[in-house]
Every structure is written in structure tokens, then in C-alpha cells.
PDB file of N, CA and C in Angstrom:
ATOM      1  N   UNK A   1      38.649  49.611  -5.384  1.00  0.00           N
ATOM      2  CA  UNK A   1      37.501  50.244  -5.821  1.00  0.00           C
ATOM      3  C   UNK A   1      36.693  48.966  -6.604  1.00  0.00           C
ATOM      4  N   UNK A   2      35.400  49.083  -6.122  1.00  0.00           N
ATOM      5  CA  UNK A   2      34.564  47.993  -6.906  1.00  0.00           C
ATOM      6  C   UNK A   2      33.950  48.255  -8.141  1.00  0.00           C
ATOM      7  N   UNK A   3      33.994  47.450  -9.013  1.00  0.00           N
ATOM      8  CA  UNK A   3      33.387  47.882 -10.455  1.00  0.00           C
ATOM      9  C   UNK A   3      32.087  47.673 -10.381  1.00  0.00           C
ATOM     10  N   UNK A   4      31.475  48.638 -11.171  1.00  0.00           N
ATOM     11  CA  UNK A   4      30.016  48.691 -11.241  1.00  0.00           C
ATOM     12  C   UNK A   4      29.498  47.296 -12.078  1.00  0.00           C
ATOM     13  N   UNK A   5      28.327  46.869 -11.510  1.00  0.00           N
ATOM     14  CA  UNK A   5      27.783  45.595 -11.986  1.00  0.00           C
ATOM     15  C   UNK A   5      27.040  46.202 -13.334  1.00  0.00           C
ATOM     16  N   UNK A   6      27.114  45.142 -14.291  1.00  0.00           N
ATOM     17  CA  UNK A   6      26.653  45.129 -15.645  1.00  0.00           C
ATOM     18  C   UNK A   6      25.337  44.275 -15.597  1.00  0.00           C
ATOM     19  N   UNK A   7      24.299  44.681 -16.764  1.00  0.00           N
ATOM     20  CA  UNK A   7      23.261  43.826 -16.786  1.00  0.00           C
ATOM     21  C   UNK A   7      23.870  42.254 -17.364  1.00  0.00           C
ATOM     22  N   UNK A   8      24.853  42.427 -17.755  1.00  0.00           N
ATOM     23  CA  UNK A   8      25.404  40.796 -18.334  1.00  0.00           C
ATOM     24  C   UNK A   8      25.738  39.968 -16.917  1.00  0.00           C
ATOM     25  N   UNK A   9      26.284  40.651 -15.931  1.00  0.00           N
ATOM     26  CA  UNK A   9      26.788  39.801 -14.850  1.00  0.00           C
ATOM     27  C   UNK A   9      25.629  39.778 -13.643  1.00  0.00           C
ATOM     28  N   UNK A  10      24.560  40.221 -13.737  1.00  0.00           N
ATOM     29  CA  UNK A  10      23.428  40.209 -12.718  1.00  0.00           C
ATOM     30  C   UNK A  10      22.021  39.943 -13.260  1.00  0.00           C
ATOM     31  N   UNK A  11      21.041  39.391 -12.612  1.00  0.00           N
ATOM     32  CA  UNK A  11      20.021  39.201 -12.985  1.00  0.00           C
ATOM     33  C   UNK A  11      19.043  39.271 -11.941  1.00  0.00           C
ATOM     34  N   UNK A  12      17.838  39.866 -11.935  1.00  0.00           N
ATOM     35  CA  UNK A  12      16.850  40.045 -10.751  1.00  0.00           C
ATOM     36  C   UNK A  12      15.264  39.757 -11.252  1.00  0.00           C
ATOM     37  N   UNK A  13      14.586  39.194 -10.605  1.00  0.00           N
ATOM     38  CA  UNK A  13      13.172  39.063 -11.111  1.00  0.00           C
ATOM     39  C   UNK A  13      12.361  39.279  -9.755  1.00  0.00           C
ATOM     40  N   UNK A  14      11.768  40.608  -9.388  1.00  0.00           N
ATOM     41  CA  UNK A  14      10.928  40.700  -8.517  1.00  0.00           C
ATOM     42  C   UNK A  14      11.724  40.753  -7.230  1.00  0.00           C
ATOM     43  N   UNK A  15      11.418  39.949  -6.142  1.00  0.00           N
ATOM     44  CA  UNK A  15      12.357  40.179  -4.982  1.00  0.00           C
ATOM     45  C   UNK A  15      13.664  39.179  -4.941  1.00  0.00           C
ATOM     46  N   UNK A  16      13.834  38.258  -6.214  1.00  0.00           N
ATOM     47  CA  UNK A  16      15.183  37.446  -6.217  1.00  0.00           C
ATOM     48  C   UNK A  16      16.310  38.060  -6.144  1.00  0.00           C
ATOM     49  N   UNK A  17      17.288  37.540  -5.215  1.00  0.00           N
ATOM     50  CA  UNK A  17      18.269  38.090  -4.941  1.00  0.00           C
ATOM     51  C   UNK A  17      19.409  38.254  -6.159  1.00  0.00           C
ATOM     52  N   UNK A  18      20.151  39.231  -6.349  1.00  0.00           N
ATOM     53  CA  UNK A  18      20.953  39.394  -7.302  1.00  0.00           C
ATOM     54  C   UNK A  18      22.101  38.319  -7.400  1.00  0.00           C
ATOM     55  N   UNK A  19      22.434  37.753  -8.584  1.00  0.00           N
ATOM     56  CA  UNK A  19      23.399  36.613  -8.622  1.00  0.00           C
ATOM     57  C   UNK A  19      24.092  36.982 -10.181  1.00  0.00           C
ATOM     58  N   UNK A  20      25.413  36.835  -9.969  1.00  0.00           N
ATOM     59  CA  UNK A  20      26.454  36.844 -11.013  1.00  0.00           C
ATOM     60  C   UNK A  20      26.510  35.428 -11.747  1.00  0.00           C
ATOM     61  N   UNK A  21      26.895  35.373 -13.000  1.00  0.00           N
ATOM     62  CA  UNK A  21      26.953  34.268 -13.735  1.00  0.00           C
ATOM     63  C   UNK A  21      28.138  33.276 -13.211  1.00  0.00           C
ATOM     64  N   UNK A  22      27.959  32.074 -13.000  1.00  0.00           N
ATOM     65  CA  UNK A  22      28.931  31.187 -12.558  1.00  0.00           C
ATOM     66  C   UNK A  22      30.300  31.183 -13.296  1.00  0.00           C
ATOM     67  N   UNK A  23      31.557  31.070 -12.971  1.00  0.00           N
ATOM     68  CA  UNK A  23      32.867  31.230 -13.940  1.00  0.00           C
ATOM     69  C   UNK A  23      33.495  29.620 -13.573  1.00  0.00           C
ATOM     70  N   UNK A  24      33.693  29.165 -14.579  1.00  0.00           N
ATOM     71  CA  UNK A  24      34.360  28.016 -14.792  1.00  0.00           C
ATOM     72  C   UNK A  24      36.087  28.104 -14.550  1.00  0.00           C
ATOM     73  N   UNK A  25      36.614  27.422 -13.612  1.00  0.00           N
ATOM     74  CA  UNK A  25      37.881  27.515 -13.302  1.00  0.00           C
ATOM     75  C   UNK A  25      38.414  25.992 -13.027  1.00  0.00           C
ATOM     76  N   UNK A  26      39.662  25.888 -12.964  1.00  0.00           N
ATOM     77  CA  UNK A  26      40.286  24.582 -12.386  1.00  0.00           C
ATOM     78  C   UNK A  26      39.783  24.446 -10.995  1.00  0.00           C
ATOM     79  N   UNK A  27      39.238  23.188 -10.573  1.00  0.00           N
ATOM     80  CA  UNK A  27      38.730  23.048  -9.231  1.00  0.00           C
ATOM     81  C   UNK A  27      39.067  21.470  -8.839  1.00  0.00           C
ATOM     82  N   UNK A  28      38.610  21.173  -7.591  1.00  0.00           N
ATOM     83  CA  UNK A  28      38.723  19.823  -7.204  1.00  0.00           C
ATOM     84  C   UNK A  28      37.457  19.313  -6.795  1.00  0.00           C
ATOM     85  N   UNK A  29      36.846  18.241  -7.313  1.00  0.00           N
ATOM     86  CA  UNK A  29      35.662  17.796  -6.996  1.00  0.00           C
ATOM     87  C   UNK A  29      35.782  16.822  -5.873  1.00  0.00           C
ATOM     88  N   UNK A  30      34.854  16.811  -4.938  1.00  0.00           N
ATOM     89  CA  UNK A  30      35.037  15.685  -3.941  1.00  0.00           C
ATOM     90  C   UNK A  30      33.834  15.935  -2.928  1.00  0.00           C
ATOM     91  N   UNK A  31      33.944  15.097  -1.880  1.00  0.00           N
ATOM     92  CA  UNK A  31      32.638  15.049  -0.780  1.00  0.00           C
ATOM     93  C   UNK A  31      33.031  15.632   0.436  1.00  0.00           C
ATOM     94  N   UNK A  32      32.187  16.135   1.256  1.00  0.00           N
ATOM     95  CA  UNK A  32      32.147  16.291   2.334  1.00  0.00           C
ATOM     96  C   UNK A  32      30.722  15.941   3.207  1.00  0.00           C
ATOM     97  N   UNK A  33      30.906  14.783   4.030  1.00  0.00           N
ATOM     98  CA  UNK A  33      29.831  14.047   4.472  1.00  0.00           C
ATOM     99  C   UNK A  33      28.789  13.605   3.510  1.00  0.00           C
ATOM    100  N   UNK A  34      29.059  13.144   2.496  1.00  0.00           N
ATOM    101  CA  UNK A  34      28.312  12.613   1.344  1.00  0.00           C
ATOM    102  C   UNK A  34      27.860  13.550   0.286  1.00  0.00           C
ATOM    103  N   UNK A  35      27.922  14.867   0.637  1.00  0.00           N
ATOM    104  CA  UNK A  35      27.578  16.022  -0.374  1.00  0.00           C
ATOM    105  C   UNK A  35      28.839  16.459  -1.405  1.00  0.00           C
ATOM    106  N   UNK A  36      28.417  16.333  -2.637  1.00  0.00           N
ATOM    107  CA  UNK A  36      29.433  16.612  -3.584  1.00  0.00           C
ATOM    108  C   UNK A  36      29.563  18.339  -3.676  1.00  0.00           C
ATOM    109  N   UNK A  37      31.046  18.563  -3.429  1.00  0.00           N
ATOM    110  CA  UNK A  37      31.461  19.880  -3.398  1.00  0.00           C
ATOM    111  C   UNK A  37      32.505  20.274  -4.301  1.00  0.00           C
ATOM    112  N   UNK A  38      32.691  21.559  -5.062  1.00  0.00           N
ATOM    113  CA  UNK A  38      33.806  21.716  -5.880  1.00  0.00           C
ATOM    114  C   UNK A  38      34.507  22.748  -5.042  1.00  0.00           C
ATOM    115  N   UNK A  39      35.760  22.242  -4.870  1.00  0.00           N
ATOM    116  CA  UNK A  39      37.017  23.100  -4.020  1.00  0.00           C
ATOM    117  C   UNK A  39      37.638  23.997  -4.806  1.00  0.00           C
ATOM    118  N   UNK A  40      38.180  25.140  -4.515  1.00  0.00           N
ATOM    119  CA  UNK A  40      39.074  25.938  -5.307  1.00  0.00           C
ATOM    120  C   UNK A  40      40.438  25.396  -4.624  1.00  0.00           C
ATOM    121  N   UNK A  41      41.338  25.135  -5.545  1.00  0.00           N
ATOM    122  CA  UNK A  41      42.898  24.996  -4.877  1.00  0.00           C
ATOM    123  C   UNK A  41      43.575  26.313  -4.771  1.00  0.00           C
ATOM    124  N   UNK A  42      43.981  26.531  -3.684  1.00  0.00           N
ATOM    125  CA  UNK A  42      44.581  27.838  -3.561  1.00  0.00           C
ATOM    126  C   UNK A  42      46.111  27.584  -3.117  1.00  0.00           C
ATOM    127  N   UNK A  43      47.017  27.966  -3.742  1.00  0.00           N
ATOM    128  CA  UNK A  43      48.465  27.444  -3.687  1.00  0.00           C
ATOM    129  C   UNK A  43      49.142  28.897  -2.936  1.00  0.00           C
ATOM    130  N   UNK A  44      48.369  29.936  -2.645  1.00  0.00           N
ATOM    131  CA  UNK A  44      49.087  30.989  -1.974  1.00  0.00           C
ATOM    132  C   UNK A  44      48.542  32.008  -2.403  1.00  0.00           C
ATOM    133  N   UNK A  45      48.244  32.998  -1.337  1.00  0.00           N
ATOM    134  CA  UNK A  45      47.796  34.438  -1.409  1.00  0.00           C
ATOM    135  C   UNK A  45      48.280  35.316  -0.496  1.00  0.00           C
ATOM    136  N   UNK A  46      48.871  36.258  -0.693  1.00  0.00           N
ATOM    137  CA  UNK A  46      48.926  37.097   0.280  1.00  0.00           C
ATOM    138  C   UNK A  46      47.943  38.048   1.152  1.00  0.00           C
ATOM    139  N   UNK A  47      46.800  37.725   0.550  1.00  0.00           N
ATOM    140  CA  UNK A  47      45.680  38.644   1.112  1.00  0.00           C
ATOM    141  C   UNK A  47      44.920  37.762   2.379  1.00  0.00           C
ATOM    142  N   UNK A  48      45.054  38.672   3.420  1.00  0.00           N
ATOM    143  CA  UNK A  48      44.631  38.038   4.669  1.00  0.00           C
ATOM    144  C   UNK A  48      43.312  38.162   4.919  1.00  0.00           C
ATOM    145  N   UNK A  49      42.413  37.278   5.373  1.00  0.00           N
ATOM    146  CA  UNK A  49      41.117  37.270   5.726  1.00  0.00           C
ATOM    147  C   UNK A  49      40.829  36.748   7.077  1.00  0.00           C
ATOM    148  N   UNK A  50      39.953  37.482   7.741  1.00  0.00           N
ATOM    149  CA  UNK A  50      39.846  36.933   9.137  1.00  0.00           C
ATOM    150  C   UNK A  50      38.473  35.808   9.180  1.00  0.00           C
ATOM    151  N   UNK A  51      38.612  34.939   9.806  1.00  0.00           N
ATOM    152  CA  UNK A  51      37.782  34.029  10.008  1.00  0.00           C
ATOM    153  C   UNK A  51      36.778  34.029  11.136  1.00  0.00           C
ATOM    154  N   UNK A  52      35.797  33.926  11.198  1.00  0.00           N
ATOM    155  CA  UNK A  52      34.697  34.010  12.082  1.00  0.00           C
ATOM    156  C   UNK A  52      34.412  32.494  12.876  1.00  0.00           C
ATOM    157  N   UNK A  53      34.952  31.622  12.501  1.00  0.00           N
ATOM    158  CA  UNK A  53      34.739  30.305  13.185  1.00  0.00           C
ATOM    159  C   UNK A  53      35.511  29.337  12.363  1.00  0.00           C
ATOM    160  N   UNK A  54      35.710  28.132  13.199  1.00  0.00           N
ATOM    161  CA  UNK A  54      36.326  26.849  12.495  1.00  0.00           C
ATOM    162  C   UNK A  54      35.363  25.846  12.788  1.00  0.00           C
ATOM    163  N   UNK A  55      35.279  24.842  11.579  1.00  0.00           N
ATOM    164  CA  UNK A  55      34.653  23.645  11.551  1.00  0.00           C
ATOM    165  C   UNK A  55      35.664  22.598  11.168  1.00  0.00           C
ATOM    166  N   UNK A  56      35.637  21.367  11.787  1.00  0.00           N
ATOM    167  CA  UNK A  56      36.580  20.198  11.517  1.00  0.00           C
ATOM    168  C   UNK A  56      35.519  19.318  10.672  1.00  0.00           C
ATOM    169  N   UNK A  57      36.185  18.654   9.550  1.00  0.00           N
ATOM    170  CA  UNK A  57      35.110  17.758   9.058  1.00  0.00           C
ATOM    171  C   UNK A  57      36.072  16.691   8.113  1.00  0.00           C
ATOM    172  N   UNK A  58      35.697  15.932   7.372  1.00  0.00           N
ATOM    173  CA  UNK A  58      36.524  15.161   6.634  1.00  0.00           C
ATOM    174  C   UNK A  58      36.258  15.352   4.816  1.00  0.00           C
ATOM    175  N   UNK A  59      37.220  15.413   4.261  1.00  0.00           N
ATOM    176  CA  UNK A  59      37.132  15.579   2.749  1.00  0.00           C
ATOM    177  C   UNK A  59      37.635  14.319   2.120  1.00  0.00           C
ATOM    178  N   UNK A  60      36.766  14.191   0.929  1.00  0.00           N
ATOM    179  CA  UNK A  60      37.427  12.970   0.069  1.00  0.00           C
ATOM    180  C   UNK A  60      37.446  13.489  -1.271  1.00  0.00           C
ATOM    181  N   UNK A  61      38.321  13.083  -2.046  1.00  0.00           N
ATOM    182  CA  UNK A  61      38.551  13.576  -3.546  1.00  0.00           C
ATOM    183  C   UNK A  61      37.729  12.669  -4.472  1.00  0.00           C
ATOM    184  N   UNK A  62      36.901  12.998  -5.248  1.00  0.00           N
ATOM    185  CA  UNK A  62      35.936  12.240  -6.090  1.00  0.00           C
ATOM    186  C   UNK A  62      36.343  11.001  -6.680  1.00  0.00           C
ATOM    187  N   UNK A  63      37.715  11.102  -6.993  1.00  0.00           N
ATOM    188  CA  UNK A  63      38.180   9.858  -7.852  1.00  0.00           C
ATOM    189  C   UNK A  63      38.652   8.684  -6.775  1.00  0.00           C
ATOM    190  N   UNK A  64      38.584   9.127  -5.450  1.00  0.00           N
ATOM    191  CA  UNK A  64      38.966   8.203  -4.190  1.00  0.00           C
ATOM    192  C   UNK A  64      37.919   8.610  -3.270  1.00  0.00           C
ATOM    193  N   UNK A  65      36.876   8.099  -3.224  1.00  0.00           N
ATOM    194  CA  UNK A  65      35.822   8.751  -2.087  1.00  0.00           C
ATOM    195  C   UNK A  65      35.969   7.863  -0.730  1.00  0.00           C
ATOM    196  N   UNK A  66      36.468   6.639  -0.955  1.00  0.00           N
ATOM    197  CA  UNK A  66      36.860   6.029   0.155  1.00  0.00           C
ATOM    198  C   UNK A  66      38.116   6.494   1.167  1.00  0.00           C
ATOM    199  N   UNK A  67      38.973   7.240   0.567  1.00  0.00           N
ATOM    200  CA  UNK A  67      39.828   7.852   1.369  1.00  0.00           C
ATOM    201  C   UNK A  67      39.559   9.171   1.848  1.00  0.00           C
ATOM    202  N   UNK A  68      39.336   9.477   3.212  1.00  0.00           N
ATOM    203  CA  UNK A  68      39.016  10.692   3.822  1.00  0.00           C
ATOM    204  C   UNK A  68      40.179  11.361   4.413  1.00  0.00           C
ATOM    205  N   UNK A  69      40.109  12.516   4.367  1.00  0.00           N
ATOM    206  CA  UNK A  69      41.319  13.573   4.791  1.00  0.00           C
ATOM    207  C   UNK A  69      40.455  14.455   6.030  1.00  0.00           C
ATOM    208  N   UNK A  70      40.890  14.637   7.184  1.00  0.00           N
ATOM    209  CA  UNK A  70      40.408  15.377   8.136  1.00  0.00           C
ATOM    210  C   UNK A  70      40.920  16.890   7.778  1.00  0.00           C
ATOM    211  N   UNK A  71      40.103  17.934   7.826  1.00  0.00           N
ATOM    212  CA  UNK A  71      40.499  19.308   7.531  1.00  0.00           C
ATOM    213  C   UNK A  71      39.890  20.108   8.470  1.00  0.00           C
ATOM    214  N   UNK A  72      40.364  21.150   9.051  1.00  0.00           N
ATOM    215  CA  UNK A  72      39.864  22.272   9.685  1.00  0.00           C
ATOM    216  C   UNK A  72      39.554  23.373   8.680  1.00  0.00           C
ATOM    217  N   UNK A  73      38.347  23.732   8.795  1.00  0.00           N
ATOM    218  CA  UNK A  73      37.664  24.709   7.786  1.00  0.00           C
ATOM    219  C   UNK A  73      37.388  26.074   8.357  1.00  0.00           C
ATOM    220  N   UNK A  74      37.938  27.117   7.809  1.00  0.00           N
ATOM    221  CA  UNK A  74      37.782  28.507   8.540  1.00  0.00           C
ATOM    222  C   UNK A  74      36.689  29.151   7.797  1.00  0.00           C
ATOM    223  N   UNK A  75      35.531  29.516   8.538  1.00  0.00           N
ATOM    224  CA  UNK A  75      34.638  30.157   7.824  1.00  0.00           C
ATOM    225  C   UNK A  75      34.905  31.603   7.612  1.00  0.00           C
ATOM    226  N   UNK A  76      34.683  32.021   6.264  1.00  0.00           N
ATOM    227  CA  UNK A  76      35.266  33.305   5.820  1.00  0.00           C
ATOM    228  C   UNK A  76      34.194  34.264   5.241  1.00  0.00           C
ATOM    229  N   UNK A  77      34.445  35.372   5.071  1.00  0.00           N
ATOM    230  CA  UNK A  77      33.397  36.223   4.530  1.00  0.00           C
ATOM    231  C   UNK A  77      33.528  36.456   3.116  1.00  0.00           C
ATOM    232  N   UNK A  78      33.583  35.210   2.221  1.00  0.00           N
ATOM    233  CA  UNK A  78      33.716  35.255   0.952  1.00  0.00           C
ATOM    234  C   UNK A  78      32.615  34.311   0.413  1.00  0.00           C
ATOM    235  N   UNK A  79      32.102  34.633  -0.694  1.00  0.00           N
ATOM    236  CA  UNK A  79      30.614  33.984  -1.048  1.00  0.00           C
ATOM    237  C   UNK A  79      30.964  33.280  -2.283  1.00  0.00           C
ATOM    238  N   UNK A  80      32.109  33.389  -2.867  1.00  0.00           N
ATOM    239  CA  UNK A  80      32.282  32.822  -4.266  1.00  0.00           C
ATOM    240  C   UNK A  80      32.379  31.230  -4.340  1.00  0.00           C
ATOM    241  N   UNK A  81      33.122  30.796  -3.095  1.00  0.00           N
ATOM    242  CA  UNK A  81      33.330  29.273  -3.158  1.00  0.00           C
ATOM    243  C   UNK A  81      32.643  28.529  -2.068  1.00  0.00           C
ATOM    244  N   UNK A  82      32.369  27.323  -2.194  1.00  0.00           N
ATOM    245  CA  UNK A  82      32.044  26.553  -1.132  1.00  0.00           C
ATOM    246  C   UNK A  82      33.127  26.164  -0.149  1.00  0.00           C
ATOM    247  N   UNK A  83      34.364  25.748  -0.848  1.00  0.00           N
ATOM    248  CA  UNK A  83      35.295  25.366  -0.199  1.00  0.00           C
ATOM    249  C   UNK A  83      36.777  25.827  -0.759  1.00  0.00           C
ATOM    250  N   UNK A  84      37.618  26.237  -0.196  1.00  0.00           N
ATOM    251  CA  UNK A  84      38.820  26.464  -0.583  1.00  0.00           C
ATOM    252  C   UNK A  84      39.898  25.841   0.092  1.00  0.00           C
ATOM    253  N   UNK A  85      40.539  24.894  -0.769  1.00  0.00           N
ATOM    254  CA  UNK A  85      41.680  23.920  -0.163  1.00  0.00           C
ATOM    255  C   UNK A  85      43.157  24.521  -0.144  1.00  0.00           C
ATOM    256  N   UNK A  86      43.609  24.659   1.158  1.00  0.00           N
ATOM    257  CA  UNK A  86      44.834  25.568   1.228  1.00  0.00           C
ATOM    258  C   UNK A  86      46.085  24.825   0.749  1.00  0.00           C
ATOM    259  N   UNK A  87      47.117  25.741   0.594  1.00  0.00           N
ATOM    260  CA  UNK A  87      48.338  25.218   0.235  1.00  0.00           C
ATOM    261  C   UNK A  87      49.026  24.144   0.970  1.00  0.00           C
ATOM    262  N   UNK A  88      48.897  23.825   2.283  1.00  0.00           N
ATOM    263  CA  UNK A  88      49.229  23.047   3.182  1.00  0.00           C
ATOM    264  C   UNK A  88      48.808  21.622   2.706  1.00  0.00           C
ATOM    265  N   UNK A  89      47.355  21.888   2.549  1.00  0.00           N
ATOM    266  CA  UNK A  89      46.549  20.558   2.235  1.00  0.00           C
ATOM    267  C   UNK A  89      47.087  20.069   0.970  1.00  0.00           C
ATOM    268  N   UNK A  90      47.090  20.845  -0.087  1.00  0.00           N
ATOM    269  CA  UNK A  90      47.528  20.545  -1.507  1.00  0.00           C
ATOM    270  C   UNK A  90      48.743  19.840  -1.495  1.00  0.00           C
ATOM    271  N   UNK A  91      49.915  20.465  -0.671  1.00  0.00           N
ATOM    272  CA  UNK A  91      51.236  19.818  -0.622  1.00  0.00           C
ATOM    273  C   UNK A  91      51.089  18.577   0.030  1.00  0.00           C
ATOM    274  N   UNK A  92      50.429  18.594   1.118  1.00  0.00           N
ATOM    275  CA  UNK A  92      50.217  17.049   1.920  1.00  0.00           C
ATOM    276  C   UNK A  92      49.667  16.082   0.988  1.00  0.00           C
ATOM    277  N   UNK A  93      48.745  16.341   0.247  1.00  0.00           N
ATOM    278  CA  UNK A  93      48.230  15.398  -0.563  1.00  0.00           C
ATOM    279  C   UNK A  93      48.719  15.124  -1.890  1.00  0.00           C
ATOM    280  N   UNK A  94      49.817  16.004  -2.119  1.00  0.00           N
ATOM    281  CA  UNK A  94      50.601  16.003  -3.498  1.00  0.00           C
ATOM    282  C   UNK A  94      49.644  16.236  -4.762  1.00  0.00           C
ATOM    283  N   UNK A  95      48.751  17.013  -4.204  1.00  0.00           N
ATOM    284  CA  UNK A  95      47.443  17.352  -5.412  1.00  0.00           C
ATOM    285  C   UNK A  95      48.115  18.025  -6.620  1.00  0.00           C
ATOM    286  N   UNK A  96      48.940  18.993  -6.409  1.00  0.00           N
ATOM    287  CA  UNK A  96      49.434  19.891  -7.286  1.00  0.00           C
ATOM    288  C   UNK A  96      50.838  19.288  -8.071  1.00  0.00           C
ATOM    289  N   UNK A  97      51.413  18.456  -7.325  1.00  0.00           N
ATOM    290  CA  UNK A  97      52.642  17.821  -7.939  1.00  0.00           C
ATOM    291  C   UNK A  97      52.531  16.419  -8.646  1.00  0.00           C
ATOM    292  N   UNK A  98      51.976  15.506  -7.810  1.00  0.00           N
ATOM    293  CA  UNK A  98      51.738  14.149  -8.483  1.00  0.00           C
ATOM    294  C   UNK A  98      50.327  13.729  -8.966  1.00  0.00           C
ATOM    295  N   UNK A  99      49.354  14.524  -8.369  1.00  0.00           N
ATOM    296  CA  UNK A  99      47.986  14.083  -8.633  1.00  0.00           C
ATOM    297  C   UNK A  99      47.076  15.128  -9.386  1.00  0.00           C
ATOM    298  N   UNK A 100      47.687  15.720 -10.452  1.00  0.00           N
ATOM    299  CA  UNK A 100      47.255  16.775 -11.048  1.00  0.00           C
ATOM    300  C   UNK A 100      45.758  16.471 -11.737  1.00  0.00           C
ATOM    301  N   UNK A 101      45.720  14.959 -11.972  1.00  0.00           N
ATOM    302  CA  UNK A 101      44.330  14.539 -12.692  1.00  0.00           C
ATOM    303  C   UNK A 101      43.052  14.774 -11.745  1.00  0.00           C
ATOM    304  N   UNK A 102      43.490  15.126 -10.509  1.00  0.00           N
ATOM    305  CA  UNK A 102      42.237  15.520  -9.828  1.00  0.00           C
ATOM    306  C   UNK A 102      41.642  16.933 -10.045  1.00  0.00           C
ATOM    307  N   UNK A 103      42.396  17.745 -10.825  1.00  0.00           N
ATOM    308  CA  UNK A 103      41.754  19.018 -11.252  1.00  0.00           C
ATOM    309  C   UNK A 103      40.738  18.762 -12.289  1.00  0.00           C
ATOM    310  N   UNK A 104      39.737  19.337 -12.275  1.00  0.00           N
ATOM    311  CA  UNK A 104      38.667  19.374 -13.017  1.00  0.00           C
ATOM    312  C   UNK A 104      38.184  20.641 -13.429  1.00  0.00           C
ATOM    313  N   UNK A 105      37.038  20.944 -14.361  1.00  0.00           N
ATOM    314  CA  UNK A 105      36.772  22.299 -14.498  1.00  0.00           C
ATOM    315  C   UNK A 105      35.408  22.369 -13.460  1.00  0.00           C
ATOM    316  N   UNK A 106      35.510  23.377 -12.695  1.00  0.00           N
ATOM    317  CA  UNK A 106      34.255  23.531 -11.874  1.00  0.00           C
ATOM    318  C   UNK A 106      33.755  24.914 -12.006  1.00  0.00           C
ATOM    319  N   UNK A 107      32.341  24.987 -11.741  1.00  0.00           N
ATOM    320  CA  UNK A 107      31.695  26.245 -12.190  1.00  0.00           C
ATOM    321  C   UNK A 107      31.452  26.762 -10.710  1.00  0.00           C
ATOM    322  N   UNK A 108      32.286  27.916 -10.400  1.00  0.00           N
ATOM    323  CA  UNK A 108      32.136  28.595  -9.211  1.00  0.00           C
ATOM    324  C   UNK A 108      31.339  29.605  -9.174  1.00  0.00           C
ATOM    325  N   UNK A 109      30.236  29.720  -8.423  1.00  0.00           N
ATOM    326  CA  UNK A 109      29.451  30.971  -8.349  1.00  0.00           C
ATOM    327  C   UNK A 109      30.011  32.053  -7.871  1.00  0.00           C
ATOM    328  N   UNK A 110      29.627  33.385  -8.643  1.00  0.00           N
ATOM    329  CA  UNK A 110      29.958  34.609  -8.332  1.00  0.00           C
ATOM    330  C   UNK A 110      29.021  35.433  -7.725  1.00  0.00           C
ATOM    331  N   UNK A 111      28.069  34.643  -7.206  1.00  0.00           N
ATOM    332  CA  UNK A 111      26.705  35.489  -6.770  1.00  0.00           C
ATOM    333  C   UNK A 111      26.922  36.063  -5.478  1.00  0.00           C
ATOM    334  N   UNK A 112      25.920  36.746  -5.032  1.00  0.00           N
ATOM    335  CA  UNK A 112      25.712  37.433  -3.955  1.00  0.00           C
ATOM    336  C   UNK A 112      24.912  36.647  -2.745  1.00  0.00           C
ATOM    337  N   UNK A 113      24.758  35.464  -2.999  1.00  0.00           N
ATOM    338  CA  UNK A 113      23.887  34.588  -2.171  1.00  0.00           C
ATOM    339  C   UNK A 113      24.547  34.474  -0.865  1.00  0.00           C
ATOM    340  N   UNK A 114      23.662  34.686   0.339  1.00  0.00           N
ATOM    341  CA  UNK A 114      24.305  34.279   1.628  1.00  0.00           C
ATOM    342  C   UNK A 114      24.886  32.923   1.827  1.00  0.00           C
ATOM    343  N   UNK A 115      26.005  32.759   2.294  1.00  0.00           N
ATOM    344  CA  UNK A 115      26.492  31.559   2.578  1.00  0.00           C
ATOM    345  C   UNK A 115      27.776  31.426   3.496  1.00  0.00           C
ATOM    346  N   UNK A 116      28.542  30.406   3.721  1.00  0.00           N
ATOM    347  CA  UNK A 116      29.775  30.497   4.383  1.00  0.00           C
ATOM    348  C   UNK A 116      30.641  29.574   3.505  1.00  0.00           C
ATOM    349  N   UNK A 117      31.946  29.795   3.634  1.00  0.00           N
ATOM    350  CA  UNK A 117      32.953  29.221   2.801  1.00  0.00           C
ATOM    351  C   UNK A 117      34.060  28.719   3.837  1.00  0.00           C
ATOM    352  N   UNK A 118      34.720  27.571   3.315  1.00  0.00           N
ATOM    353  CA  UNK A 118      35.960  27.057   4.079  1.00  0.00           C
ATOM    354  C   UNK A 118      37.080  27.126   3.550  1.00  0.00           C
ATOM    355  N   UNK A 119      38.252  27.019   4.497  1.00  0.00           N
ATOM    356  CA  UNK A 119      39.645  26.895   4.041  1.00  0.00           C
ATOM    357  C   UNK A 119      40.010  25.778   4.723  1.00  0.00           C
ATOM    358  N   UNK A 120      40.468  24.789   4.181  1.00  0.00           N
ATOM    359  CA  UNK A 120      41.256  23.542   4.659  1.00  0.00           C
ATOM    360  C   UNK A 120      42.628  23.650   4.812  1.00  0.00           C
ATOM    361  N   UNK A 121      43.260  23.549   6.026  1.00  0.00           N
ATOM    362  CA  UNK A 121      44.672  23.888   6.276  1.00  0.00           C
ATOM    363  C   UNK A 121      45.212  22.555   6.836  1.00  0.00           C
ATOM    364  N   UNK A 122      44.258  21.597   7.452  1.00  0.00           N
ATOM    365  CA  UNK A 122      44.943  20.572   8.209  1.00  0.00           C
ATOM    366  C   UNK A 122      44.828  19.271   7.357  1.00  0.00           C
ATOM    367  N   UNK A 123      45.786  18.448   7.433  1.00  0.00           N
ATOM    368  CA  UNK A 123      45.817  17.193   6.641  1.00  0.00           C
ATOM    369  C   UNK A 123      45.282  16.054   7.603  1.00  0.00           C
TER     370      UNK A 123
END
């Protein structure tokens, strides 16, 4: 059951789309093709989401932009995150075990803006 929207978490002016306030969470700052991206580290979730497409690209962490990692990104019907880095990628890059300094506070949009999101699972 969806919770009702409150005046606090939405705003609109004229024809402007409704948007919720961004939420700060631990995230990973990095780059995809030179564009800065905040990624959500997802260490596991039992929720299954169907992908409508796959995109292959390179990811680099902001603290080591010269090192790139090829990732397969699955386009998901989730609008809150630009990129979700999956458990396999996080384990193979040792992000959660040996490189926790990569985690920083990121403001993730909770808005209703139309977009696509990516889930990286390939190292």
C-alpha cells in the first residue's frame, strides 16, 4: 500500500512535475563517460525487478578516475537512483570490505521525474 503524499515531500508550481525532497544516504561517487554519478551500493535484496534493457559501459570511482571497470547496467523501472551497483561488483572491487573510504554521503532523488536507472553486476 502506498503512503499518501504530504505537502512536505512534494512541491509543484503550475505544470512542474511533482518531486520529493532528496534523501542523503551512503553512496559511491564516480564517473560514467566523464559524467559524475552517485551510485547506491546494493549488497543484496530479495526484491526482484524486471529489466527492460541492458547497457554496457565503464565505471570509475571518484578517488581513482583513471581505473575503469566494465559493467552491464540493467535499465529498471526505479526512479530514485541514477545507478545501483550490485553485490557482485561490490565484492569483486572489495568496496565494502577493503575500500570503505569510497563510501560518501550522496543525495539521492526521491522524485517522480522520468528517467532510467542502472544495476551493475559485471566486473
